[in-house]
Full PDB file with SEQRES, HELIX, SHEET, SSBOND, CRYST1, ORIGX, SCALE, CONECT and MASTER records, all heavy atoms in Angstrom:
SEQRES   1 A   34  ILE VAL ASN TYR GLY ILE VAL GLY ILE ILE GLN LEU ARG          
SEQRES   2 A   34  LEU GLY TYR ALA ASP HIS LYS ASP MET SER ALA ASP ARG          
SEQRES   3 A   34  ALA MET GLU LEU TYR ASP GLU ILE                              
HELIX    1 AA1 VAL A    2  LEU A   14  1                                  13    
HELIX    2 AA2 ALA A   24  GLU A   33  1                                  10    
CRYST1    1.000    1.000    1.000  90.00  90.00  90.00 P 1           1          
ORIGX1      1.000000  0.000000  0.000000        0.00000                         
ORIGX2      0.000000  1.000000  0.000000        0.00000                         
ORIGX3      0.000000  0.000000  1.000000        0.00000                         
SCALE1      1.000000  0.000000  0.000000        0.00000                         
SCALE2      0.000000  1.000000  0.000000        0.00000                         
SCALE3      0.000000  0.000000  1.000000        0.00000                         
ATOM      1  N   ILE A   1     -17.747 -35.668  32.708  1.00  0.00           N  
ATOM      2  CA  ILE A   1     -18.033 -34.486  31.900  1.00  0.00           C  
ATOM      3  C   ILE A   1     -17.950 -33.228  32.760  1.00  0.00           C  
ATOM      4  O   ILE A   1     -17.392 -32.202  32.340  1.00  0.00           O  
ATOM      5  CB  ILE A   1     -19.414 -34.597  31.226  1.00  0.00           C  
ATOM      6  CG1 ILE A   1     -19.379 -35.695  30.159  1.00  0.00           C  
ATOM      7  CG2 ILE A   1     -19.822 -33.266  30.593  1.00  0.00           C  
ATOM      8  CD1 ILE A   1     -20.740 -36.014  29.552  1.00  0.00           C  
ATOM      9  N   VAL A   2     -18.482 -33.288  33.972  1.00  0.00           N  
ATOM     10  CA  VAL A   2     -18.353 -32.144  34.887  1.00  0.00           C  
ATOM     11  C   VAL A   2     -16.881 -31.808  35.104  1.00  0.00           C  
ATOM     12  O   VAL A   2     -16.458 -30.644  34.968  1.00  0.00           O  
ATOM     13  CB  VAL A   2     -19.034 -32.431  36.239  1.00  0.00           C  
ATOM     14  CG1 VAL A   2     -18.713 -31.328  37.249  1.00  0.00           C  
ATOM     15  CG2 VAL A   2     -20.542 -32.561  36.065  1.00  0.00           C  
ATOM     16  N   ASN A   3     -16.090 -32.806  35.402  1.00  0.00           N  
ATOM     17  CA  ASN A   3     -14.692 -32.554  35.739  1.00  0.00           C  
ATOM     18  C   ASN A   3     -13.866 -32.122  34.536  1.00  0.00           C  
ATOM     19  O   ASN A   3     -13.031 -31.214  34.638  1.00  0.00           O  
ATOM     20  CB  ASN A   3     -14.092 -33.778  36.421  1.00  0.00           C  
ATOM     21  CG  ASN A   3     -14.648 -33.970  37.828  1.00  0.00           C  
ATOM     22  OD1 ASN A   3     -15.220 -33.045  38.405  1.00  0.00           O  
ATOM     23  ND2 ASN A   3     -14.484 -35.157  38.388  1.00  0.00           N  
ATOM     24  N   TYR A   4     -14.096 -32.733  33.388  1.00  0.00           N  
ATOM     25  CA  TYR A   4     -13.402 -32.282  32.180  1.00  0.00           C  
ATOM     26  C   TYR A   4     -13.850 -30.875  31.791  1.00  0.00           C  
ATOM     27  O   TYR A   4     -13.054 -30.071  31.289  1.00  0.00           O  
ATOM     28  CB  TYR A   4     -13.636 -33.244  31.018  1.00  0.00           C  
ATOM     29  CG  TYR A   4     -12.641 -34.369  30.933  1.00  0.00           C  
ATOM     30  CD1 TYR A   4     -13.047 -35.700  31.051  1.00  0.00           C  
ATOM     31  CD2 TYR A   4     -11.280 -34.117  30.720  1.00  0.00           C  
ATOM     32  CE1 TYR A   4     -12.130 -36.746  30.975  1.00  0.00           C  
ATOM     33  CE2 TYR A   4     -10.372 -35.150  30.644  1.00  0.00           C  
ATOM     34  CZ  TYR A   4     -10.795 -36.461  30.771  1.00  0.00           C  
ATOM     35  OH  TYR A   4      -9.887 -37.492  30.694  1.00  0.00           O  
ATOM     36  N   GLY A   5     -15.131 -30.565  32.000  1.00  0.00           N  
ATOM     37  CA  GLY A   5     -15.607 -29.220  31.695  1.00  0.00           C  
ATOM     38  C   GLY A   5     -14.911 -28.176  32.540  1.00  0.00           C  
ATOM     39  O   GLY A   5     -14.519 -27.105  32.043  1.00  0.00           O  
ATOM     40  N   ILE A   6     -14.740 -28.469  33.820  1.00  0.00           N  
ATOM     41  CA  ILE A   6     -14.035 -27.539  34.700  1.00  0.00           C  
ATOM     42  C   ILE A   6     -12.575 -27.417  34.298  1.00  0.00           C  
ATOM     43  O   ILE A   6     -12.016 -26.311  34.237  1.00  0.00           O  
ATOM     44  CB  ILE A   6     -14.184 -27.988  36.171  1.00  0.00           C  
ATOM     45  CG1 ILE A   6     -15.637 -27.789  36.623  1.00  0.00           C  
ATOM     46  CG2 ILE A   6     -13.229 -27.205  37.078  1.00  0.00           C  
ATOM     47  CD1 ILE A   6     -15.940 -28.289  38.006  1.00  0.00           C  
ATOM     48  N   VAL A   7     -11.947 -28.530  33.975  1.00  0.00           N  
ATOM     49  CA  VAL A   7     -10.560 -28.496  33.491  1.00  0.00           C  
ATOM     50  C   VAL A   7     -10.466 -27.673  32.209  1.00  0.00           C  
ATOM     51  O   VAL A   7      -9.527 -26.884  32.029  1.00  0.00           O  
ATOM     52  CB  VAL A   7     -10.036 -29.936  33.260  1.00  0.00           C  
ATOM     53  CG1 VAL A   7      -8.768 -29.931  32.419  1.00  0.00           C  
ATOM     54  CG2 VAL A   7      -9.776 -30.616  34.596  1.00  0.00           C  
ATOM     55  N   GLY A   8     -11.442 -27.839  31.326  1.00  0.00           N  
ATOM     56  CA  GLY A   8     -11.434 -27.081  30.082  1.00  0.00           C  
ATOM     57  C   GLY A   8     -11.447 -25.579  30.319  1.00  0.00           C  
ATOM     58  O   GLY A   8     -10.736 -24.819  29.647  1.00  0.00           O  
ATOM     59  N   ILE A   9     -12.258 -25.133  31.275  1.00  0.00           N  
ATOM     60  CA  ILE A   9     -12.317 -23.706  31.581  1.00  0.00           C  
ATOM     61  C   ILE A   9     -11.003 -23.232  32.187  1.00  0.00           C  
ATOM     62  O   ILE A   9     -10.516 -22.131  31.872  1.00  0.00           O  
ATOM     63  CB  ILE A   9     -13.508 -23.413  32.504  1.00  0.00           C  
ATOM     64  CG1 ILE A   9     -14.816 -23.711  31.762  1.00  0.00           C  
ATOM     65  CG2 ILE A   9     -13.494 -21.954  32.974  1.00  0.00           C  
ATOM     66  CD1 ILE A   9     -16.041 -23.725  32.645  1.00  0.00           C  
ATOM     67  N   ILE A  10     -10.397 -24.045  33.038  1.00  0.00           N  
ATOM     68  CA  ILE A  10      -9.075 -23.699  33.583  1.00  0.00           C  
ATOM     69  C   ILE A  10      -8.073 -23.511  32.445  1.00  0.00           C  
ATOM     70  O   ILE A  10      -7.307 -22.533  32.420  1.00  0.00           O  
ATOM     71  CB  ILE A  10      -8.576 -24.786  34.559  1.00  0.00           C  
ATOM     72  CG1 ILE A  10      -9.452 -24.830  35.816  1.00  0.00           C  
ATOM     73  CG2 ILE A  10      -7.106 -24.531  34.944  1.00  0.00           C  
ATOM     74  CD1 ILE A  10      -9.130 -25.974  36.752  1.00  0.00           C  
ATOM     75  N   GLN A  11      -8.089 -24.438  31.499  1.00  0.00           N  
ATOM     76  CA  GLN A  11      -7.130 -24.365  30.392  1.00  0.00           C  
ATOM     77  C   GLN A  11      -7.385 -23.145  29.507  1.00  0.00           C  
ATOM     78  O   GLN A  11      -6.440 -22.516  29.024  1.00  0.00           O  
ATOM     79  CB  GLN A  11      -7.188 -25.646  29.558  1.00  0.00           C  
ATOM     80  CG  GLN A  11      -6.790 -26.914  30.312  1.00  0.00           C  
ATOM     81  CD  GLN A  11      -5.362 -26.890  30.811  1.00  0.00           C  
ATOM     82  OE1 GLN A  11      -5.049 -26.261  31.824  1.00  0.00           O  
ATOM     83  NE2 GLN A  11      -4.476 -27.558  30.081  1.00  0.00           N  
ATOM     84  N   LEU A  12      -8.641 -22.805  29.290  1.00  0.00           N  
ATOM     85  CA  LEU A  12      -8.957 -21.620  28.499  1.00  0.00           C  
ATOM     86  C   LEU A  12      -8.441 -20.353  29.179  1.00  0.00           C  
ATOM     87  O   LEU A  12      -7.944 -19.441  28.521  1.00  0.00           O  
ATOM     88  CB  LEU A  12     -10.467 -21.507  28.292  1.00  0.00           C  
ATOM     89  CG  LEU A  12     -11.110 -22.468  27.293  1.00  0.00           C  
ATOM     90  CD1 LEU A  12     -12.625 -22.301  27.330  1.00  0.00           C  
ATOM     91  CD2 LEU A  12     -10.591 -22.223  25.870  1.00  0.00           C  
ATOM     92  N   ARG A  13      -8.556 -20.318  30.482  1.00  0.00           N  
ATOM     93  CA  ARG A  13      -8.169 -19.104  31.211  1.00  0.00           C  
ATOM     94  C   ARG A  13      -6.665 -18.988  31.422  1.00  0.00           C  
ATOM     95  O   ARG A  13      -6.117 -17.882  31.371  1.00  0.00           O  
ATOM     96  CB  ARG A  13      -8.897 -19.063  32.563  1.00  0.00           C  
ATOM     97  CG  ARG A  13     -10.399 -18.874  32.412  1.00  0.00           C  
ATOM     98  CD  ARG A  13     -11.111 -18.856  33.740  1.00  0.00           C  
ATOM     99  NE  ARG A  13     -12.551 -18.608  33.544  1.00  0.00           N  
ATOM    100  CZ  ARG A  13     -13.436 -18.570  34.532  1.00  0.00           C  
ATOM    101  NH1 ARG A  13     -13.041 -18.758  35.794  1.00  0.00           N  
ATOM    102  NH2 ARG A  13     -14.705 -18.336  34.272  1.00  0.00           N  
ATOM    103  N   LEU A  14      -6.024 -20.105  31.647  1.00  0.00           N  
ATOM    104  CA  LEU A  14      -4.588 -20.076  31.948  1.00  0.00           C  
ATOM    105  C   LEU A  14      -3.717 -20.416  30.750  1.00  0.00           C  
ATOM    106  O   LEU A  14      -2.524 -20.119  30.744  1.00  0.00           O  
ATOM    107  CB  LEU A  14      -4.262 -21.050  33.082  1.00  0.00           C  
ATOM    108  CG  LEU A  14      -4.938 -20.823  34.432  1.00  0.00           C  
ATOM    109  CD1 LEU A  14      -4.399 -21.811  35.459  1.00  0.00           C  
ATOM    110  CD2 LEU A  14      -4.768 -19.395  34.923  1.00  0.00           C  
ATOM    111  N   GLY A  15      -4.307 -21.049  29.727  1.00  0.00           N  
ATOM    112  CA  GLY A  15      -3.503 -21.605  28.651  1.00  0.00           C  
ATOM    113  C   GLY A  15      -2.934 -22.947  29.080  1.00  0.00           C  
ATOM    114  O   GLY A  15      -2.844 -23.246  30.268  1.00  0.00           O  
ATOM    115  N   TYR A  16      -2.576 -23.767  28.110  1.00  0.00           N  
ATOM    116  CA  TYR A  16      -2.023 -25.082  28.448  1.00  0.00           C  
ATOM    117  C   TYR A  16      -0.520 -24.952  28.700  1.00  0.00           C  
ATOM    118  O   TYR A  16       0.114 -23.961  28.338  1.00  0.00           O  
ATOM    119  CB  TYR A  16      -2.318 -26.106  27.360  1.00  0.00           C  
ATOM    120  CG  TYR A  16      -1.758 -25.774  25.999  1.00  0.00           C  
ATOM    121  CD1 TYR A  16      -0.478 -26.170  25.629  1.00  0.00           C  
ATOM    122  CD2 TYR A  16      -2.511 -25.063  25.065  1.00  0.00           C  
ATOM    123  CE1 TYR A  16       0.042 -25.859  24.382  1.00  0.00           C  
ATOM    124  CE2 TYR A  16      -2.007 -24.754  23.817  1.00  0.00           C  
ATOM    125  CZ  TYR A  16      -0.731 -25.155  23.485  1.00  0.00           C  
ATOM    126  OH  TYR A  16      -0.217 -24.845  22.253  1.00  0.00           O  
ATOM    127  N   ALA A  17       0.052 -25.965  29.336  1.00  0.00           N  
ATOM    128  CA  ALA A  17       1.471 -25.966  29.690  1.00  0.00           C  
ATOM    129  C   ALA A  17       2.163 -27.161  29.043  1.00  0.00           C  
ATOM    130  O   ALA A  17       1.510 -28.059  28.514  1.00  0.00           O  
ATOM    131  CB  ALA A  17       1.639 -26.012  31.205  1.00  0.00           C  
ATOM    132  N   ASP A  18       3.481 -27.161  29.090  1.00  0.00           N  
ATOM    133  CA  ASP A  18       4.261 -28.284  28.562  1.00  0.00           C  
ATOM    134  C   ASP A  18       4.543 -29.340  29.626  1.00  0.00           C  
ATOM    135  O   ASP A  18       5.106 -30.391  29.316  1.00  0.00           O  
ATOM    136  CB  ASP A  18       5.580 -27.789  27.975  1.00  0.00           C  
ATOM    137  CG  ASP A  18       5.368 -26.951  26.721  1.00  0.00           C  
ATOM    138  OD1 ASP A  18       4.410 -27.245  25.977  1.00  0.00           O  
ATOM    139  OD2 ASP A  18       6.138 -26.007  26.499  1.00  0.00           O  
ATOM    140  N   HIS A  19       4.154 -29.035  30.863  1.00  0.00           N  
ATOM    141  CA  HIS A  19       4.388 -29.972  31.966  1.00  0.00           C  
ATOM    142  C   HIS A  19       3.446 -29.583  33.106  1.00  0.00           C  
ATOM    143  O   HIS A  19       2.755 -28.561  33.031  1.00  0.00           O  
ATOM    144  CB  HIS A  19       5.849 -29.897  32.438  1.00  0.00           C  
ATOM    145  CG  HIS A  19       6.250 -28.531  32.898  1.00  0.00           C  
ATOM    146  ND1 HIS A  19       6.633 -27.548  32.015  1.00  0.00           N  
ATOM    147  CD2 HIS A  19       6.298 -27.973  34.138  1.00  0.00           C  
ATOM    148  CE1 HIS A  19       6.923 -26.442  32.685  1.00  0.00           C  
ATOM    149  NE2 HIS A  19       6.711 -26.669  33.966  1.00  0.00           N  
ATOM    150  N   LYS A  20       3.411 -30.388  34.141  1.00  0.00           N  
ATOM    151  CA  LYS A  20       2.601 -30.057  35.312  1.00  0.00           C  
ATOM    152  C   LYS A  20       3.228 -28.841  35.992  1.00  0.00           C  
ATOM    153  O   LYS A  20       4.310 -28.937  36.570  1.00  0.00           O  
ATOM    154  CB  LYS A  20       2.542 -31.249  36.268  1.00  0.00           C  
ATOM    155  CG  LYS A  20       1.771 -32.441  35.737  1.00  0.00           C  
ATOM    156  CD  LYS A  20       1.594 -33.535  36.766  1.00  0.00           C  
ATOM    157  CE  LYS A  20       2.879 -34.267  37.051  1.00  0.00           C  
ATOM    158  NZ  LYS A  20       2.676 -35.428  37.931  1.00  0.00           N  
ATOM    159  N   ASP A  21       2.539 -27.726  35.945  1.00  0.00           N  
ATOM    160  CA  ASP A  21       3.137 -26.474  36.410  1.00  0.00           C  
ATOM    161  C   ASP A  21       2.401 -25.861  37.588  1.00  0.00           C  
ATOM    162  O   ASP A  21       2.585 -24.679  37.884  1.00  0.00           O  
ATOM    163  CB  ASP A  21       3.183 -25.461  35.249  1.00  0.00           C  
ATOM    164  CG  ASP A  21       1.792 -25.096  34.745  1.00  0.00           C  
ATOM    165  OD1 ASP A  21       0.824 -25.803  35.079  1.00  0.00           O  
ATOM    166  OD2 ASP A  21       1.685 -24.089  34.019  1.00  0.00           O  
ATOM    167  N   MET A  22       1.556 -26.630  38.258  1.00  0.00           N  
ATOM    168  CA  MET A  22       0.888 -26.102  39.442  1.00  0.00           C  
ATOM    169  C   MET A  22       0.742 -27.203  40.477  1.00  0.00           C  
ATOM    170  O   MET A  22       0.808 -28.394  40.156  1.00  0.00           O  
ATOM    171  CB  MET A  22      -0.481 -25.510  39.103  1.00  0.00           C  
ATOM    172  CG  MET A  22      -1.535 -26.526  38.693  1.00  0.00           C  
ATOM    173  SD  MET A  22      -3.199 -25.817  38.523  1.00  0.00           S  
ATOM    174  CE  MET A  22      -2.951 -24.599  37.243  1.00  0.00           C  
ATOM    175  N   SER A  23       0.551 -26.809  41.703  1.00  0.00           N  
ATOM    176  CA  SER A  23       0.375 -27.772  42.789  1.00  0.00           C  
ATOM    177  C   SER A  23      -1.042 -28.318  42.780  1.00  0.00           C  
ATOM    178  O   SER A  23      -1.967 -27.735  42.196  1.00  0.00           O  
ATOM    179  CB  SER A  23       0.654 -27.102  44.135  1.00  0.00           C  
ATOM    180  OG  SER A  23      -0.344 -26.129  44.417  1.00  0.00           O  
ATOM    181  N   ALA A  24      -1.215 -29.436  43.452  1.00  0.00           N  
ATOM    182  CA  ALA A  24      -2.551 -30.013  43.573  1.00  0.00           C  
ATOM    183  C   ALA A  24      -3.478 -29.076  44.339  1.00  0.00           C  
ATOM    184  O   ALA A  24      -4.660 -28.948  44.006  1.00  0.00           O  
ATOM    185  CB  ALA A  24      -2.470 -31.370  44.269  1.00  0.00           C  
ATOM    186  N   ASP A  25      -2.939 -28.406  45.353  1.00  0.00           N  
ATOM    187  CA  ASP A  25      -3.768 -27.476  46.121  1.00  0.00           C  
ATOM    188  C   ASP A  25      -4.263 -26.324  45.248  1.00  0.00           C  
ATOM    189  O   ASP A  25      -5.422 -25.910  45.349  1.00  0.00           O  
ATOM    190  CB  ASP A  25      -2.981 -26.925  47.312  1.00  0.00           C  
ATOM    191  CG  ASP A  25      -2.798 -27.944  48.416  1.00  0.00           C  
ATOM    192  OD1 ASP A  25      -3.599 -28.897  48.488  1.00  0.00           O  
ATOM    193  OD2 ASP A  25      -1.849 -27.797  49.203  1.00  0.00           O  
ATOM    194  N   ARG A  26      -3.389 -25.794  44.383  1.00  0.00           N  
ATOM    195  CA  ARG A  26      -3.798 -24.712  43.487  1.00  0.00           C  
ATOM    196  C   ARG A  26      -4.852 -25.207  42.493  1.00  0.00           C  
ATOM    197  O   ARG A  26      -5.810 -24.495  42.190  1.00  0.00           O  
ATOM    198  CB  ARG A  26      -2.580 -24.154  42.735  1.00  0.00           C  
ATOM    199  CG  ARG A  26      -2.905 -23.057  41.725  1.00  0.00           C  
ATOM    200  CD  ARG A  26      -3.632 -21.902  42.357  1.00  0.00           C  
ATOM    201  NE  ARG A  26      -3.940 -20.849  41.401  1.00  0.00           N  
ATOM    202  CZ  ARG A  26      -4.928 -19.972  41.546  1.00  0.00           C  
ATOM    203  NH1 ARG A  26      -5.702 -20.005  42.628  1.00  0.00           N  
ATOM    204  NH2 ARG A  26      -5.144 -19.035  40.626  1.00  0.00           N  
ATOM    205  N   ALA A  27      -4.678 -26.426  42.010  1.00  0.00           N  
ATOM    206  CA  ALA A  27      -5.660 -26.997  41.090  1.00  0.00           C  
ATOM    207  C   ALA A  27      -7.027 -27.100  41.757  1.00  0.00           C  
ATOM    208  O   ALA A  27      -8.060 -26.807  41.134  1.00  0.00           O  
ATOM    209  CB  ALA A  27      -5.196 -28.370  40.604  1.00  0.00           C  
ATOM    210  N   MET A  28      -7.065 -27.486  43.026  1.00  0.00           N  
ATOM    211  CA  MET A  28      -8.330 -27.589  43.734  1.00  0.00           C  
ATOM    212  C   MET A  28      -8.954 -26.212  43.951  1.00  0.00           C  
ATOM    213  O   MET A  28     -10.176 -26.060  43.883  1.00  0.00           O  
ATOM    214  CB  MET A  28      -8.146 -28.294  45.077  1.00  0.00           C  
ATOM    215  CG  MET A  28      -7.831 -29.779  44.984  1.00  0.00           C  
ATOM    216  SD  MET A  28      -8.983 -30.772  43.984  1.00  0.00           S  
ATOM    217  CE  MET A  28     -10.566 -30.354  44.697  1.00  0.00           C  
ATOM    218  N   GLU A  29      -8.131 -25.210  44.215  1.00  0.00           N  
ATOM    219  CA  GLU A  29      -8.659 -23.856  44.371  1.00  0.00           C  
ATOM    220  C   GLU A  29      -9.354 -23.394  43.090  1.00  0.00           C  
ATOM    221  O   GLU A  29     -10.457 -22.832  43.126  1.00  0.00           O  
ATOM    222  CB  GLU A  29      -7.531 -22.884  44.716  1.00  0.00           C  
ATOM    223  CG  GLU A  29      -6.977 -23.047  46.126  1.00  0.00           C  
ATOM    224  CD  GLU A  29      -5.754 -22.175  46.364  1.00  0.00           C  
ATOM    225  OE1 GLU A  29      -5.398 -21.394  45.445  1.00  0.00           O  
ATOM    226  OE2 GLU A  29      -5.159 -22.269  47.446  1.00  0.00           O  
ATOM    227  N   LEU A  30      -8.706 -23.644  41.956  1.00  0.00           N  
ATOM    228  CA  LEU A  30      -9.298 -23.269  40.669  1.00  0.00           C  
ATOM    229  C   LEU A  30     -10.574 -24.056  40.403  1.00  0.00           C  
ATOM    230  O   LEU A  30     -11.562 -23.514  39.899  1.00  0.00           O  
ATOM    231  CB  LEU A  30      -8.277 -23.485  39.550  1.00  0.00           C  
ATOM    232  CG  LEU A  30      -7.064 -22.550  39.569  1.00  0.00           C  
ATOM    233  CD1 LEU A  30      -5.999 -23.051  38.594  1.00  0.00           C  
ATOM    234  CD2 LEU A  30      -7.470 -21.123  39.233  1.00  0.00           C  
ATOM    235  N   TYR A  31     -10.531 -25.339  40.727  1.00  0.00           N  
ATOM    236  CA  TYR A  31     -11.718 -26.192  40.552  1.00  0.00           C  
ATOM    237  C   TYR A  31     -12.892 -25.612  41.328  1.00  0.00           C  
ATOM    238  O   TYR A  31     -14.000 -25.473  40.802  1.00  0.00           O  
ATOM    239  CB  TYR A  31     -11.394 -27.608  41.037  1.00  0.00           C  
ATOM    240  CG  TYR A  31     -12.514 -28.606  40.847  1.00  0.00           C  
ATOM    241  CD1 TYR A  31     -12.507 -29.487  39.769  1.00  0.00           C  
ATOM    242  CD2 TYR A  31     -13.574 -28.686  41.756  1.00  0.00           C  
ATOM    243  CE1 TYR A  31     -13.525 -30.412  39.593  1.00  0.00           C  
ATOM    244  CE2 TYR A  31     -14.607 -29.602  41.583  1.00  0.00           C  
ATOM    245  CZ  TYR A  31     -14.572 -30.468  40.506  1.00  0.00           C  
ATOM    246  OH  TYR A  31     -15.582 -31.380  40.328  1.00  0.00           O  
ATOM    247  N   ASP A  32     -12.657 -25.258  42.583  1.00  0.00           N  
ATOM    248  CA  ASP A  32     -13.733 -24.760  43.423  1.00  0.00           C  
ATOM    249  C   ASP A  32     -14.274 -23.418  42.923  1.00  0.00           C  
ATOM    250  O   ASP A  32     -15.481 -23.165  42.976  1.00  0.00           O  
ATOM    251  CB  ASP A  32     -13.248 -24.622  44.869  1.00  0.00           C  
ATOM    252  CG  ASP A  32     -13.004 -25.964  45.535  1.00  0.00           C  
ATOM    253  OD1 ASP A  32     -13.540 -26.980  45.052  1.00  0.00           O  
ATOM    254  OD2 ASP A  32     -12.269 -25.996  46.544  1.00  0.00           O  
ATOM    255  N   GLU A  33     -13.386 -22.571  42.435  1.00  0.00           N  
ATOM    256  CA  GLU A  33     -13.826 -21.278  41.911  1.00  0.00           C  
ATOM    257  C   GLU A  33     -14.769 -21.471  40.717  1.00  0.00           C  
ATOM    258  O   GLU A  33     -15.825 -20.825  40.632  1.00  0.00           O  
ATOM    259  CB  GLU A  33     -12.607 -20.449  41.471  1.00  0.00           C  
ATOM    260  CG  GLU A  33     -11.770 -19.925  42.623  1.00  0.00           C  
ATOM    261  CD  GLU A  33     -10.487 -19.265  42.142  1.00  0.00           C  
ATOM    262  OE1 GLU A  33     -10.336 -19.049  40.900  1.00  0.00           O  
ATOM    263  OE2 GLU A  33      -9.625 -18.962  42.987  1.00  0.00           O  
ATOM    264  N   ILE A  34     -14.398 -22.355  39.808  1.00  0.00           N  
ATOM    265  CA  ILE A  34     -15.203 -22.553  38.601  1.00  0.00           C  
ATOM    266  C   ILE A  34     -16.494 -23.296  38.929  1.00  0.00           C  
ATOM    267  O   ILE A  34     -17.561 -22.994  38.371  1.00  0.00           O  
ATOM    268  CB  ILE A  34     -14.374 -23.283  37.532  1.00  0.00           C  
ATOM    269  CG1 ILE A  34     -13.251 -22.355  37.060  1.00  0.00           C  
ATOM    270  CG2 ILE A  34     -15.244 -23.718  36.355  1.00  0.00           C  
ATOM    271  CD1 ILE A  34     -12.175 -23.024  36.262  1.00  0.00           C  
TER     272      ILE A  34                                                      
MASTER        0    0    0    2    0    0    0    6  271    1    0    3          
END                                                                             
């Protein structure tokens, strides 16, 4: 739930994509910020 909640906030802020459009490192940066 923690991890899906953080993903949910990322998606709200960035919008969803049609494919994987970011690097794993960028995903971790966003995770840490939220």
